[in-house]
Structure formats: C-alpha cells, structure tokens
Amino acid sequence: MTTSVRTISTPYGDARLHTDRSRHPVASLVLGHGAGRGVESADLVALARVLPGLGISVYRIEQPWHVAGKKVASRPEMLDVGTIACVNGIRARTPMVLGGRSAGARVACRLAKQLGAVGCLALSFPLQPPRRSGRPAKSRLPELLGAGVPVFVVQGERDAFGGPDAFPESVELTVVPGADHSLRVPRRAALTQDETHALVVEAVVEWVTARVG
C-alpha cells in the first residue's frame, strides 16, 4: 500500500491527511479515527489498502491531538474543526462519503451534511458509554439519526458501546460476527481476523458504490 501524507494546519495544531488515491476514482471516502488508536487502526488500514483498487480513494484524517502525541482526545468541537480543515484540503471531484470509527463516526454524523457528503459511514458507532465506565448511559442515537444524509453502521456483535440490537430497525446496519468495539474477534470465532476485515471491506464497498452509482 502506497500512502502519501500531507500536513494540514488547523486552529488547534497540525493535522495529517493520509491519502490512498485510486487511479480511476468514482468516489472518495474520508475517515476519522477514534479516541484510542489513530489512522493505523486495523479496519481503517484494511479499507485504505483495498478500496483504491476498486475505484474509491481513501483519505484518513489524523487529528492534531494524535499528531502531537497526546493520549487524550480533544473535545468534540475541536475534532470537528480539524475534520473540516482536512476535508477542505482534499482536492477531489468525486462524490464524498464522510465516515470514521468510534469518535470519528460521531464527527462524521455531525458534519456530513454540512460538508456536502452523499453519505455517512459509522464504524463501531459508540451508542453509549460501556457499563463498566461508570458514566451515565446517555444515548448518542440522536447524533446518528440527525446526520441529514444516508448513514451506514458497521457494528461488532460484542461492541461494549452498544451492540447491533441496541439500534432501531430504521438504521441501515451490518453486523460483524463475534467482533468487539475495535472489530477484533477471538481466536476461536467463526471468522478469522482477516475474514472479518474482508467482510467489513465488502460491506463498505457495496454501500459506498450504491451511494454514488
């Protein structure tokens, strides 16, 4: 996989835009990372590796807090500003799907309509804090339903932030068997980790293609 990396200035420090461009793009998929690992998260890497060969350029946004080596993610409004700056720096003429994993999925839901996206991809959407966190279980469903564009959720069967059954039937969703919030599966799961990533990639390609077709 060949990735180009460009620094993008934001009011809160430098972000990085990791680009895997298709030779003959029909769509652009912009992805934000979560509050844990950055753009090297395995699912984001899998999408960046495979999708350009299928006509979808992939842009991964590395937020300023992560570039600076901080361990705690910035406030939502700062994440939004960083995302807007990076999207404005993308020179693509194809339809755009704005997405991300976990906290990045929340950002995508907040900004998709504003930034002119034709759809929103939510990988491991954090519907509510895990019970073990001790934090009040306030649902983030209004954020998801308020995106203003078609939304596609890819959710692990064992996601501690809200499994597939926690979403209303109106939400378009693909279940990842045996997977947790990071879309990791146990060694004895029905699907291997490679097969799990392949399932995620296939579902995303099918949905994005339908949005721009």
Protein backbone atom coordinates (compact mmCIF):
# COMPACT_ATOMS: atom_id res chain seq x y z
CA MET A 1 0.00 0.00 0.00
CA THR A 2 1.38 3.40 -1.02
CA THR A 3 0.22 6.25 1.16
CA SER A 4 1.01 9.94 0.79
CA VAL A 5 0.90 12.07 3.91
CA ARG A 6 0.29 15.81 3.97
CA THR A 7 0.27 18.22 6.91
CA ILE A 8 -2.88 20.31 7.27
CA SER A 9 -2.86 23.39 9.50
CA THR A 10 -5.80 23.84 11.87
CA PRO A 11 -6.54 26.34 14.65
CA TYR A 12 -5.63 23.61 17.15
CA GLY A 13 -2.36 22.46 15.62
CA ASP A 14 -1.28 20.42 12.64
CA ALA A 15 -3.35 17.50 11.40
CA ARG A 16 -2.19 14.90 8.90
CA LEU A 17 -4.07 13.73 5.83
CA HIS A 18 -3.14 10.19 4.80
CA THR A 19 -4.17 9.61 1.18
CA ASP A 20 -4.54 6.37 -0.76
CA ARG A 21 -5.74 7.51 -4.15
CA SER A 22 -7.45 5.41 -6.79
CA ARG A 23 -6.16 5.69 -10.36
CA HIS A 24 -9.72 5.91 -11.66
CA PRO A 25 -11.80 7.15 -8.73
CA VAL A 26 -15.58 7.17 -8.73
CA ALA A 27 -15.87 8.14 -5.06
CA SER A 28 -13.89 9.46 -2.10
CA LEU A 29 -14.13 8.00 1.40
CA VAL A 30 -12.88 10.27 4.18
CA LEU A 31 -12.28 8.55 7.52
CA GLY A 32 -11.61 9.88 11.00
CA HIS A 33 -10.01 7.77 13.72
CA GLY A 34 -11.21 7.04 17.24
CA ALA A 35 -10.09 8.21 20.66
CA GLY A 36 -7.69 5.27 21.09
CA ARG A 37 -5.53 4.26 18.16
CA GLY A 38 -5.12 6.65 15.23
CA VAL A 39 -5.27 6.09 11.49
CA GLU A 40 -3.34 2.82 11.94
CA SER A 41 -6.46 1.10 13.31
CA ALA A 42 -6.72 -2.23 11.53
CA ASP A 43 -10.13 -1.61 9.95
CA LEU A 44 -9.10 1.80 8.59
CA VAL A 45 -5.89 0.32 7.19
CA ALA A 46 -7.84 -2.51 5.53
CA LEU A 47 -10.14 -0.03 3.82
CA ALA A 48 -7.22 2.14 2.69
CA ARG A 49 -5.42 -0.90 1.30
CA VAL A 50 -8.30 -2.38 -0.72
CA LEU A 51 -10.69 0.37 -1.76
CA PRO A 52 -8.41 2.39 -4.09
CA GLY A 53 -8.12 -0.66 -6.34
CA LEU A 54 -11.92 -0.67 -6.57
CA GLY A 55 -12.28 2.95 -7.59
CA ILE A 56 -12.64 4.57 -4.15
CA SER A 57 -9.92 6.93 -2.95
CA VAL A 58 -9.44 6.82 0.81
CA TYR A 59 -8.41 9.79 2.95
CA ARG A 60 -7.64 9.16 6.62
CA ILE A 61 -7.66 12.19 8.91
CA GLU A 62 -5.19 12.16 11.80
CA GLN A 63 -6.38 14.69 14.34
CA PRO A 64 -3.96 17.29 15.83
CA TRP A 65 -4.10 15.74 19.31
CA HIS A 66 -2.81 12.46 17.93
CA VAL A 67 -0.18 14.12 15.76
CA ALA A 68 1.08 15.93 18.87
CA GLY A 69 1.45 12.62 20.72
CA LYS A 70 -1.23 13.32 23.31
CA LYS A 71 -3.01 10.39 24.94
CA VAL A 72 -6.39 12.03 25.42
CA ALA A 73 -8.60 13.05 22.51
CA SER A 74 -9.67 16.65 22.05
CA ARG A 75 -13.17 17.98 22.71
CA PRO A 76 -15.81 17.28 20.02
CA GLU A 77 -15.80 20.84 18.73
CA MET A 78 -12.03 20.67 18.21
CA LEU A 79 -12.36 17.36 16.35
CA ASP A 80 -14.97 18.96 14.11
CA VAL A 81 -12.67 21.87 13.27
CA GLY A 82 -9.80 19.53 12.45
CA THR A 83 -12.03 17.45 10.18
CA ILE A 84 -13.35 20.49 8.33
CA ALA A 85 -9.81 21.75 7.71
CA CYS A 86 -8.73 18.38 6.29
CA VAL A 87 -11.79 17.96 4.09
CA ASN A 88 -11.24 21.46 2.71
CA GLY A 89 -7.70 20.37 1.83
CA ILE A 90 -8.84 17.42 -0.28
CA ARG A 91 -8.69 18.04 -4.00
CA ALA A 92 -11.16 15.53 -5.32
CA ARG A 93 -14.01 15.92 -7.79
CA THR A 94 -15.77 12.68 -6.95
CA PRO A 95 -18.75 12.29 -4.59
CA MET A 96 -17.62 12.07 -0.97
CA VAL A 97 -18.70 9.77 1.83
CA LEU A 98 -17.66 11.06 5.24
CA GLY A 99 -17.00 8.41 7.86
CA GLY A 100 -14.92 7.27 10.77
CA ARG A 101 -14.61 4.81 13.60
CA SER A 102 -15.97 5.37 17.11
CA ALA A 103 -15.39 9.05 17.99
CA GLY A 104 -14.60 9.64 14.31
CA ALA A 105 -18.02 8.23 13.41
CA ARG A 106 -19.65 10.78 15.71
CA VAL A 107 -17.73 13.57 13.99
CA ALA A 108 -18.86 12.27 10.59
CA CYS A 109 -22.50 12.26 11.68
CA ARG A 110 -22.23 15.86 12.89
CA LEU A 111 -20.54 17.17 9.75
CA ALA A 112 -21.65 15.00 6.79
CA LYS A 113 -24.44 17.26 5.58
CA GLN A 114 -22.52 20.47 6.22
CA LEU A 115 -19.54 19.25 4.18
CA GLY A 116 -21.64 18.06 1.24
CA ALA A 117 -21.18 14.31 1.73
CA VAL A 118 -23.54 11.96 -0.08
CA GLY A 119 -23.45 9.53 2.83
CA CYS A 120 -22.00 8.81 6.26
CA LEU A 121 -20.12 5.65 7.29
CA ALA A 122 -20.14 4.86 11.01
CA LEU A 123 -17.68 2.14 12.02
CA SER A 124 -18.25 0.99 15.62
CA PHE A 125 -20.57 3.86 16.48
CA PRO A 126 -20.30 4.48 20.28
CA LEU A 127 -24.01 4.48 21.02
CA GLN A 128 -23.48 4.78 24.79
CA PRO A 129 -20.61 4.52 27.31
CA PRO A 130 -19.81 0.95 28.39
CA ARG A 131 -21.45 -0.07 31.67
CA ARG A 132 -18.08 -0.64 33.29
CA SER A 133 -17.10 3.00 32.70
CA GLY A 134 -19.41 4.18 35.45
CA ARG A 135 -20.57 7.07 33.28
CA PRO A 136 -24.30 7.77 32.74
CA ALA A 137 -25.63 5.74 29.80
CA LYS A 138 -26.73 8.73 27.72
CA SER A 139 -27.62 7.58 24.23
CA ARG A 140 -25.88 9.18 21.26
CA LEU A 141 -28.57 7.93 18.90
CA PRO A 142 -29.85 11.47 18.16
CA GLU A 143 -26.41 12.30 16.75
CA LEU A 144 -26.61 9.31 14.41
CA LEU A 145 -30.18 9.94 13.33
CA GLY A 146 -29.51 13.65 12.84
CA ALA A 147 -26.80 13.24 10.21
CA GLY A 148 -29.07 14.52 7.45
CA VAL A 149 -27.65 12.08 4.88
CA PRO A 150 -27.91 8.27 4.48
CA VAL A 151 -25.95 6.55 7.25
CA PHE A 152 -24.43 3.06 7.24
CA VAL A 153 -23.35 1.49 10.53
CA VAL A 154 -20.83 -1.35 10.79
CA GLN A 155 -21.07 -2.71 14.33
CA GLY A 156 -19.37 -5.56 16.14
CA GLU A 157 -21.65 -8.18 17.65
CA ARG A 158 -19.91 -7.76 21.04
CA ASP A 159 -19.44 -3.98 20.98
CA ALA A 160 -19.41 -2.76 24.60
CA PHE A 161 -20.54 0.69 23.43
CA GLY A 162 -23.78 -0.76 22.05
CA GLY A 163 -24.32 -3.96 20.13
CA PRO A 164 -26.37 -4.19 16.92
CA ASP A 165 -29.58 -4.95 18.85
CA ALA A 166 -29.35 -1.55 20.54
CA PHE A 167 -30.00 0.27 17.27
CA PRO A 168 -33.52 0.87 15.93
CA GLU A 169 -34.60 -1.11 12.87
CA SER A 170 -34.59 2.08 10.79
CA VAL A 171 -30.77 2.21 10.93
CA GLU A 172 -29.00 0.52 8.00
CA LEU A 173 -26.50 -1.75 9.69
CA THR A 174 -24.09 -4.62 9.08
CA VAL A 175 -23.29 -6.92 11.99
CA VAL A 176 -19.70 -8.14 12.33
CA PRO A 177 -19.97 -11.61 13.95
CA GLY A 178 -18.07 -12.01 17.21
CA ALA A 179 -16.34 -8.63 16.92
CA ASP A 180 -15.78 -6.12 19.72
CA HIS A 181 -15.61 -2.32 19.52
CA SER A 182 -12.26 -2.50 17.70
CA LEU A 183 -13.77 -5.07 15.31
CA ARG A 184 -11.39 -7.67 16.73
CA VAL A 185 -12.57 -11.26 17.04
CA PRO A 186 -11.46 -14.03 19.42
CA ARG A 187 -9.17 -16.75 18.10
CA ARG A 188 -11.96 -19.31 18.14
CA ALA A 189 -14.51 -17.09 16.40
CA ALA A 190 -16.41 -18.31 13.36
CA LEU A 191 -14.44 -15.89 11.18
CA THR A 192 -10.71 -15.22 11.35
CA GLN A 193 -9.49 -11.66 11.79
CA ASP A 194 -8.58 -11.44 8.10
CA GLU A 195 -12.01 -12.75 7.13
CA THR A 196 -13.61 -10.23 9.47
CA HIS A 197 -11.78 -7.33 7.83
CA ALA A 198 -12.72 -8.70 4.41
CA LEU A 199 -16.38 -8.70 5.47
CA VAL A 200 -16.13 -5.08 6.61
CA VAL A 201 -14.43 -4.04 3.38
CA GLU A 202 -17.01 -5.82 1.23
CA ALA A 203 -19.92 -4.24 3.09
CA VAL A 204 -18.42 -0.75 2.84
CA VAL A 205 -17.59 -1.08 -0.88
CA GLU A 206 -21.13 -2.25 -1.64
CA TRP A 207 -22.72 0.58 0.31
CA VAL A 208 -20.45 3.37 -0.97
CA THR A 209 -20.85 2.19 -4.57
CA ALA A 210 -24.63 2.26 -4.18
CA ARG A 211 -24.45 5.85 -2.91
CA VAL A 212 -22.50 7.12 -5.92
CA GLY A 213 -23.92 4.82 -8.62
